[in-house]
N, C-alpha and C. Protein backbone atom coordinates (compact mmCIF):
# COMPACT_ATOMS: atom_id res chain seq x y z
N MET A 1 -15.40 2.20 -16.72
CA MET A 1 -15.82 1.02 -16.13
C MET A 1 -14.73 0.29 -15.67
N LYS A 2 -13.52 0.16 -16.04
CA LYS A 2 -12.35 -0.64 -16.13
C LYS A 2 -11.69 -0.26 -14.51
N ILE A 3 -11.88 1.51 -14.90
CA ILE A 3 -11.05 1.92 -13.22
C ILE A 3 -11.98 1.88 -12.05
N ILE A 4 -13.26 1.26 -12.08
CA ILE A 4 -13.77 1.31 -11.12
C ILE A 4 -13.64 -0.58 -10.43
N VAL A 5 -13.53 -1.03 -11.54
CA VAL A 5 -13.26 -2.33 -11.72
C VAL A 5 -12.04 -2.43 -10.62
N ASN A 6 -11.01 -2.03 -11.00
CA ASN A 6 -9.64 -1.69 -10.49
C ASN A 6 -9.80 -1.40 -8.97
N LEU A 7 -10.68 -0.01 -8.60
CA LEU A 7 -10.93 0.09 -7.59
C LEU A 7 -11.38 -0.53 -6.58
N LEU A 8 -12.21 -1.28 -7.08
CA LEU A 8 -13.23 -2.43 -6.10
C LEU A 8 -12.11 -3.18 -5.97
N LEU A 9 -11.23 -3.95 -6.41
CA LEU A 9 -10.42 -5.28 -6.55
C LEU A 9 -9.12 -4.43 -5.31
N SER A 10 -8.70 -3.64 -5.92
CA SER A 10 -7.76 -2.67 -4.79
C SER A 10 -8.74 -2.13 -3.32
N THR A 11 -9.53 -2.28 -3.46
CA THR A 11 -10.44 -1.99 -2.12
C THR A 11 -10.35 -3.51 -1.56
N VAL A 12 -10.84 -4.41 -1.95
CA VAL A 12 -10.96 -5.48 -1.56
C VAL A 12 -9.51 -6.40 -0.95
N ALA A 13 -8.62 -6.28 -1.94
CA ALA A 13 -7.16 -6.69 -1.74
C ALA A 13 -6.67 -6.07 -0.31
N VAL A 14 -6.84 -4.43 0.32
CA VAL A 14 -6.74 -3.79 1.37
C VAL A 14 -7.29 -4.32 2.54
N PHE A 15 -8.65 -4.78 2.23
CA PHE A 15 -9.75 -5.25 3.47
C PHE A 15 -8.97 -6.37 3.75
N VAL A 16 -8.73 -7.11 2.90
CA VAL A 16 -8.61 -8.95 3.14
C VAL A 16 -7.10 -8.68 3.39
N THR A 17 -6.20 -8.00 3.25
CA THR A 17 -4.91 -7.76 4.19
C THR A 17 -4.84 -7.29 5.23
N ALA A 18 -5.77 -6.81 5.42
CA ALA A 18 -6.06 -5.72 6.83
C ALA A 18 -6.47 -6.80 7.95
N ARG A 19 -7.31 -7.64 7.10
CA ARG A 19 -7.91 -8.44 8.06
C ARG A 19 -6.66 -10.01 8.44
N ILE A 20 -6.24 -10.39 7.70
CA ILE A 20 -4.82 -11.28 7.51
C ILE A 20 -3.97 -10.80 8.83
N LEU A 21 -3.43 -9.79 8.55
CA LEU A 21 -2.27 -8.91 9.53
C LEU A 21 -2.91 -8.64 10.68
N PRO A 22 -2.31 -8.96 11.93
CA PRO A 22 -2.32 -8.57 13.25
C PRO A 22 -1.83 -7.28 13.22
N GLY A 23 -1.06 -6.66 12.82
CA GLY A 23 -0.47 -5.36 13.03
C GLY A 23 -1.07 -4.12 12.42
N VAL A 24 -1.92 -4.36 11.57
CA VAL A 24 -2.86 -3.75 10.83
C VAL A 24 -4.33 -3.65 11.40
N LYS A 25 -5.05 -2.62 11.33
CA LYS A 25 -5.95 -2.10 11.75
C LYS A 25 -6.71 -1.59 11.06
N LEU A 26 -8.21 -1.79 10.64
CA LEU A 26 -8.74 -1.15 9.64
C LEU A 26 -10.25 -1.14 10.15
N ASP A 27 -10.88 0.03 10.05
CA ASP A 27 -12.18 0.04 10.27
C ASP A 27 -13.66 -0.52 9.66
N GLY A 28 -13.40 -0.76 8.72
CA GLY A 28 -14.63 -1.39 7.37
C GLY A 28 -13.93 -1.06 6.03
N PHE A 29 -15.30 -1.60 5.21
CA PHE A 29 -14.70 -1.54 4.36
C PHE A 29 -14.73 -0.08 3.08
N MET A 30 -15.20 0.97 4.04
CA MET A 30 -15.30 2.22 3.34
C MET A 30 -14.27 2.47 3.81
N THR A 31 -13.47 2.46 5.00
CA THR A 31 -12.12 3.08 4.94
C THR A 31 -10.84 2.31 4.23
N ALA A 32 -11.65 1.07 3.76
CA ALA A 32 -10.43 0.42 2.94
C ALA A 32 -10.79 0.61 1.65
N LEU A 33 -11.70 1.43 0.91
CA LEU A 33 -11.81 2.30 -0.28
C LEU A 33 -10.94 3.51 -0.10
N VAL A 34 -11.22 4.26 0.86
CA VAL A 34 -10.37 5.63 1.07
C VAL A 34 -8.68 5.35 0.84
N VAL A 35 -8.46 4.19 1.69
CA VAL A 35 -6.93 3.44 1.81
C VAL A 35 -6.76 3.21 0.43
N ALA A 36 -7.13 2.19 -0.26
CA ALA A 36 -6.81 1.93 -1.70
C ALA A 36 -6.83 3.71 -2.95
N VAL A 37 -7.59 4.49 -2.33
CA VAL A 37 -7.30 5.78 -3.11
C VAL A 37 -6.29 6.43 -2.62
N VAL A 38 -6.59 6.83 -1.57
CA VAL A 38 -4.94 7.33 -0.71
C VAL A 38 -3.88 6.58 -1.37
N LEU A 39 -3.49 4.96 -1.13
CA LEU A 39 -2.44 4.59 -1.64
C LEU A 39 -1.92 4.59 -2.96
N GLY A 40 -3.15 4.28 -3.98
CA GLY A 40 -3.32 4.79 -5.28
C GLY A 40 -2.59 6.31 -5.97
N LEU A 41 -2.94 6.90 -5.29
CA LEU A 41 -2.93 8.50 -5.47
C LEU A 41 -1.38 8.78 -4.54
N ALA A 42 -0.57 8.37 -3.93
CA ALA A 42 0.70 8.24 -3.22
C ALA A 42 1.49 7.40 -3.77
N ASN A 43 1.20 6.52 -4.65
CA ASN A 43 2.01 5.61 -5.44
C ASN A 43 2.25 6.57 -6.36
N ALA A 44 1.12 7.03 -7.15
CA ALA A 44 1.35 7.53 -8.48
C ALA A 44 2.20 9.10 -8.28
N VAL A 45 1.88 9.98 -7.52
CA VAL A 45 2.70 11.24 -7.39
C VAL A 45 3.66 11.20 -6.60
N LEU A 46 3.93 10.47 -5.07
CA LEU A 46 5.03 10.52 -4.45
C LEU A 46 6.23 9.61 -4.96
N ARG A 47 5.82 8.50 -4.91
CA ARG A 47 6.84 7.58 -5.24
C ARG A 47 7.77 7.62 -6.18
N PRO A 48 7.42 8.36 -7.43
CA PRO A 48 8.42 8.43 -8.42
C PRO A 48 9.18 9.27 -8.03
N ILE A 49 8.85 10.37 -7.10
CA ILE A 49 9.55 11.72 -6.83
C ILE A 49 10.54 11.08 -5.59
N LEU A 50 10.20 10.21 -4.95
CA LEU A 50 10.89 9.58 -3.78
C LEU A 50 12.08 8.92 -4.34
N LEU A 51 11.54 8.09 -5.43
CA LEU A 51 12.92 7.30 -6.35
C LEU A 51 13.69 7.54 -6.39
N ILE A 52 13.38 8.95 -7.53
CA ILE A 52 14.32 9.87 -7.92
C ILE A 52 15.36 10.59 -7.14
N LEU A 53 15.17 10.74 -5.91
CA LEU A 53 15.69 11.59 -4.87
C LEU A 53 16.46 10.51 -4.25
N THR A 54 15.92 9.54 -3.95
CA THR A 54 16.83 8.30 -3.31
C THR A 54 17.75 7.37 -4.70
N LEU A 55 17.66 7.55 -5.67
CA LEU A 55 18.48 7.33 -6.68
C LEU A 55 19.95 6.75 -6.27
N PRO A 56 20.63 7.35 -5.33
CA PRO A 56 22.01 7.27 -5.07
C PRO A 56 22.00 5.68 -4.02
N ILE A 57 20.97 6.00 -2.90
CA ILE A 57 20.90 4.92 -2.05
C ILE A 57 20.45 3.55 -2.64
N ASN A 58 19.56 4.06 -3.81
CA ASN A 58 19.04 2.37 -4.27
C ASN A 58 19.83 2.12 -5.02
N ILE A 59 20.76 2.39 -5.74
CA ILE A 59 21.82 2.12 -6.44
C ILE A 59 22.70 1.14 -5.61
N LEU A 60 23.61 1.76 -4.40
CA LEU A 60 24.02 1.06 -3.76
C LEU A 60 23.24 0.29 -2.71
N SER A 61 22.05 0.31 -2.37
CA SER A 61 21.69 -1.32 -1.92
C SER A 61 21.07 -1.92 -2.82
N LEU A 62 21.51 -1.77 -4.23
CA LEU A 62 20.77 -2.93 -5.34
C LEU A 62 19.43 -2.59 -5.44
N GLY A 63 18.60 -1.75 -5.03
CA GLY A 63 16.95 -1.77 -5.44
C GLY A 63 16.57 -2.07 -4.03
N LEU A 64 17.10 -2.54 -3.06
CA LEU A 64 16.25 -2.91 -1.64
C LEU A 64 16.19 -2.02 -0.98
N PHE A 65 16.30 -0.45 -1.28
CA PHE A 65 15.95 0.39 -0.51
C PHE A 65 14.12 0.64 -1.14
N THR A 66 13.86 0.34 -2.10
CA THR A 66 12.58 0.35 -2.56
C THR A 66 11.70 -0.11 -1.61
N PHE A 67 12.22 -1.07 -0.99
CA PHE A 67 11.21 -1.21 0.06
C PHE A 67 11.03 -0.50 1.01
N VAL A 68 12.07 0.22 1.22
CA VAL A 68 11.50 1.31 2.46
C VAL A 68 10.57 2.19 2.14
N ILE A 69 11.01 2.69 1.07
CA ILE A 69 9.98 3.70 0.20
C ILE A 69 8.72 3.19 0.18
N ILE A 70 8.10 1.77 -0.07
CA ILE A 70 7.15 1.24 -0.27
C ILE A 70 6.52 1.40 1.31
N GLY A 71 7.53 0.62 2.35
CA GLY A 71 6.75 0.99 3.90
C GLY A 71 6.37 2.34 4.18
N PHE A 72 7.54 3.04 3.75
CA PHE A 72 7.02 4.69 3.88
C PHE A 72 5.84 5.05 3.79
N MET A 73 5.30 4.82 2.43
CA MET A 73 3.92 5.35 1.69
C MET A 73 2.91 4.72 2.51
N VAL A 74 3.05 3.09 2.81
CA VAL A 74 2.04 2.85 3.83
C VAL A 74 1.68 3.24 5.07
N LYS A 75 2.73 3.97 6.00
CA LYS A 75 2.86 4.36 6.91
C LYS A 75 2.15 6.06 6.59
N LEU A 76 2.81 6.48 5.70
CA LEU A 76 2.13 7.65 5.39
C LEU A 76 0.67 7.82 5.17
N VAL A 77 0.27 6.63 4.35
CA VAL A 77 -1.24 6.95 4.32
C VAL A 77 -2.19 6.20 5.67
N SER A 78 -1.40 5.66 6.32
CA SER A 78 -1.69 5.19 7.77
C SER A 78 -1.41 6.80 8.62
N TRP A 79 -1.41 7.49 8.68
CA TRP A 79 -1.11 8.75 8.97
C TRP A 79 -2.38 9.50 8.37
N LEU A 80 -2.52 9.39 7.24
CA LEU A 80 -3.55 10.35 6.71
C LEU A 80 -4.75 9.78 6.67
N VAL A 81 -5.37 8.70 6.55
CA VAL A 81 -6.41 8.26 6.63
C VAL A 81 -6.85 7.71 8.28
N PRO A 82 -7.78 8.20 8.82
CA PRO A 82 -8.53 8.17 9.57
C PRO A 82 -9.34 6.18 9.81
N GLY A 83 -8.91 5.56 10.96
CA GLY A 83 -9.54 4.48 10.81
C GLY A 83 -8.76 3.34 10.18
N PHE A 84 -7.22 3.61 9.71
CA PHE A 84 -6.51 2.88 9.03
C PHE A 84 -4.83 2.96 10.12
N GLN A 85 -4.69 1.76 10.88
CA GLN A 85 -3.75 2.05 11.50
C GLN A 85 -2.53 0.73 11.43
N VAL A 86 -1.26 0.98 11.36
CA VAL A 86 -0.09 0.24 11.19
C VAL A 86 0.51 0.14 12.31
N ALA A 87 0.64 -0.55 13.04
CA ALA A 87 1.36 -0.51 14.30
C ALA A 87 2.82 -0.33 14.11
N SER A 88 3.56 -0.59 13.20
CA SER A 88 5.08 -0.14 13.08
C SER A 88 5.54 0.08 11.73
N PHE A 89 6.67 0.41 11.29
CA PHE A 89 7.16 0.43 10.08
C PHE A 89 7.37 -1.08 9.58
N TRP A 90 7.70 -1.90 10.25
CA TRP A 90 7.63 -3.22 9.73
C TRP A 90 6.35 -3.72 9.38
N TRP A 91 5.57 -3.63 10.07
CA TRP A 91 4.29 -3.70 9.76
C TRP A 91 3.78 -3.33 8.51
N ALA A 92 4.14 -2.19 8.11
CA ALA A 92 4.02 -1.41 6.68
C ALA A 92 4.62 -2.44 5.56
N LEU A 93 5.80 -2.69 6.14
CA LEU A 93 6.52 -3.40 4.79
C LEU A 93 5.84 -4.58 4.88
N VAL A 94 5.40 -5.42 5.93
CA VAL A 94 4.69 -6.78 5.74
C VAL A 94 3.47 -6.30 4.82
N PHE A 95 2.60 -5.33 5.23
CA PHE A 95 1.33 -4.88 4.54
C PHE A 95 1.81 -4.82 3.05
N ALA A 96 2.50 -4.10 2.53
CA ALA A 96 2.77 -3.79 1.11
C ALA A 96 3.30 -5.16 0.48
N LEU A 97 4.06 -5.80 0.90
CA LEU A 97 3.97 -7.09 0.48
C LEU A 97 2.96 -8.11 0.42
N VAL A 98 2.27 -8.19 1.58
CA VAL A 98 0.72 -9.14 1.22
C VAL A 98 0.18 -8.72 0.37
N LEU A 99 -0.15 -7.67 0.81
CA LEU A 99 -0.93 -6.47 -0.28
C LEU A 99 -0.74 -7.00 -1.81
N TRP A 100 0.40 -7.11 -2.14
CA TRP A 100 0.73 -7.37 -3.35
C TRP A 100 0.67 -8.71 -4.11
N VAL A 101 0.90 -9.35 -3.36
CA VAL A 101 0.19 -10.96 -3.38
C VAL A 101 -1.44 -11.17 -3.64
N VAL A 102 -1.80 -10.36 -2.53
CA VAL A 102 -3.43 -10.24 -2.65
C VAL A 102 -3.57 -10.01 -3.73
N SER A 103 -3.37 -8.67 -4.30
CA SER A 103 -3.65 -8.12 -5.33
C SER A 103 -3.32 -8.63 -6.55
N ALA A 104 -2.23 -9.79 -6.54
CA ALA A 104 -1.52 -10.20 -8.03
C ALA A 104 -3.05 -11.31 -8.28
N PHE A 105 -2.94 -12.01 -6.69
CA PHE A 105 -4.27 -12.87 -6.85
C PHE A 105 -5.33 -12.68 -7.47
N LEU A 106 -5.92 -11.44 -6.97
CA LEU A 106 -7.39 -10.93 -7.35
C LEU A 106 -7.52 -9.76 -8.66
N SER A 107 -5.90 -10.02 -9.46
CA SER A 107 -6.22 -9.76 -10.86
C SER A 107 -6.65 -11.05 -12.05
N ILE A 108 -6.50 -11.79 -11.13
CA ILE A 108 -7.31 -12.95 -11.96
C ILE A 108 -8.51 -12.63 -12.56
N PHE A 109 -9.10 -12.10 -11.61
CA PHE A 109 -10.58 -11.76 -11.72
C PHE A 109 -11.24 -10.59 -12.64
N LYS A 110 -9.96 -10.03 -13.24
CA LYS A 110 -10.66 -8.60 -14.18
C LYS A 110 -11.07 -8.85 -15.36
């Protein structure tokens, strides 16, 4: 049951974030559900691998390169999911940051 609640809150967070940002287009709530699932899977599988592979750059940039990886993950999801478009890499970074804030706010309701 907790997984379903987390998935629903993530979906709402993606939906709200896409409505706030003009550089992000989302077709509907079902597309937001697919984006939440794919983004969760990408963050669980690809992100740790990319963080290990880019560890030297991350150390040199004092961890700021992590934002580039997060932006890349959002852009990758926009390429994979039809109905979810992100205008540029910068909008992907902004989407990730706003999504983090909205998710933090929605986590109050868990």
